[in-house]
Amino acid sequence: MNSLPVLLEDKPSFCTILMKKVEDYFQDEEHRKQFEEWYRKKYGKDYEWR
């Protein structure tokens, strides 16, 4: 049986892949604007990027 680090190197987990996709998505300025507008409508305040 392979160790966990070896398995993670060979087959990235779903969470790792999802995190990368989200990071890539928010690199686009238009996507950031759309999210900020949605957040403002939903919560009534601006989103604070960290």
C-alpha atoms as a PDB file:
ATOM      1  CA  MET A   1       0.000   0.000   0.000  1.00  0.00           C
ATOM      2  CA  ASN A   2       1.275   3.490  -0.871  1.00  0.00           C
ATOM      3  CA  SER A   3       1.766   6.164   1.752  1.00  0.00           C
ATOM      4  CA  LEU A   4      -0.571   9.162   1.807  1.00  0.00           C
ATOM      5  CA  PRO A   5       1.975  11.693   0.455  1.00  0.00           C
ATOM      6  CA  VAL A   6       2.683   9.406  -2.498  1.00  0.00           C
ATOM      7  CA  LEU A   7      -1.020   8.997  -3.215  1.00  0.00           C
ATOM      8  CA  LEU A   8      -1.573  12.751  -3.050  1.00  0.00           C
ATOM      9  CA  GLU A   9       1.302  13.349  -5.475  1.00  0.00           C
ATOM     10  CA  ASP A  10       0.013  10.786  -7.945  1.00  0.00           C
ATOM     11  CA  LYS A  11      -3.663  11.626  -7.680  1.00  0.00           C
ATOM     12  CA  PRO A  12      -4.511  15.127  -6.474  1.00  0.00           C
ATOM     13  CA  SER A  13      -7.522  15.190  -4.214  1.00  0.00           C
ATOM     14  CA  PHE A  14     -10.794  16.722  -5.275  1.00  0.00           C
ATOM     15  CA  CYS A  15     -10.380  19.548  -2.749  1.00  0.00           C
ATOM     16  CA  THR A  16      -6.968  20.481  -4.117  1.00  0.00           C
ATOM     17  CA  ILE A  17      -8.310  20.564  -7.670  1.00  0.00           C
ATOM     18  CA  LEU A  18     -11.376  22.550  -6.624  1.00  0.00           C
ATOM     19  CA  MET A  19      -9.257  25.075  -4.706  1.00  0.00           C
ATOM     20  CA  LYS A  20      -7.068  25.653  -7.780  1.00  0.00           C
ATOM     21  CA  LYS A  21     -10.120  26.132 -10.009  1.00  0.00           C
ATOM     22  CA  VAL A  22     -11.586  28.716  -7.599  1.00  0.00           C
ATOM     23  CA  GLU A  23      -8.266  30.567  -7.385  1.00  0.00           C
ATOM     24  CA  ASP A  24      -8.029  30.626 -11.187  1.00  0.00           C
ATOM     25  CA  TYR A  25     -11.630  31.814 -11.486  1.00  0.00           C
ATOM     26  CA  PHE A  26     -11.047  34.812  -9.224  1.00  0.00           C
ATOM     27  CA  GLN A  27      -7.907  35.857 -11.089  1.00  0.00           C
ATOM     28  CA  ASP A  28     -10.267  37.226 -13.756  1.00  0.00           C
ATOM     29  CA  GLU A  29     -11.276  40.805 -12.857  1.00  0.00           C
ATOM     30  CA  GLU A  30     -14.785  40.364 -14.319  1.00  0.00           C
ATOM     31  CA  HIS A  31     -15.426  37.302 -12.147  1.00  0.00           C
ATOM     32  CA  ARG A  32     -14.260  39.238  -9.074  1.00  0.00           C
ATOM     33  CA  LYS A  33     -16.668  42.075  -9.922  1.00  0.00           C
ATOM     34  CA  GLN A  34     -19.555  39.647 -10.379  1.00  0.00           C
ATOM     35  CA  PHE A  35     -18.819  38.035  -7.018  1.00  0.00           C
ATOM     36  CA  GLU A  36     -18.534  41.420  -5.293  1.00  0.00           C
ATOM     37  CA  GLU A  37     -21.906  42.502  -6.711  1.00  0.00           C
ATOM     38  CA  TRP A  38     -23.533  39.246  -5.600  1.00  0.00           C
ATOM     39  CA  TYR A  39     -22.002  39.555  -2.122  1.00  0.00           C
ATOM     40  CA  ARG A  40     -23.129  43.189  -1.788  1.00  0.00           C
ATOM     41  CA  LYS A  41     -26.725  42.264  -2.741  1.00  0.00           C
ATOM     42  CA  LYS A  42     -26.801  39.241  -0.431  1.00  0.00           C
ATOM     43  CA  TYR A  43     -25.125  40.731   2.658  1.00  0.00           C
ATOM     44  CA  GLY A  44     -25.551  44.474   2.180  1.00  0.00           C
ATOM     45  CA  LYS A  45     -21.848  45.234   2.560  1.00  0.00           C
ATOM     46  CA  ASP A  46     -18.670  45.061   0.493  1.00  0.00           C
ATOM     47  CA  TYR A  47     -16.570  41.906   0.492  1.00  0.00           C
ATOM     48  CA  GLU A  48     -13.116  42.384   2.018  1.00  0.00           C
ATOM     49  CA  TRP A  49     -10.445  40.590  -0.007  1.00  0.00           C
ATOM     50  CA  ARG A  50      -7.586  39.276   2.124  1.00  0.00           C
END
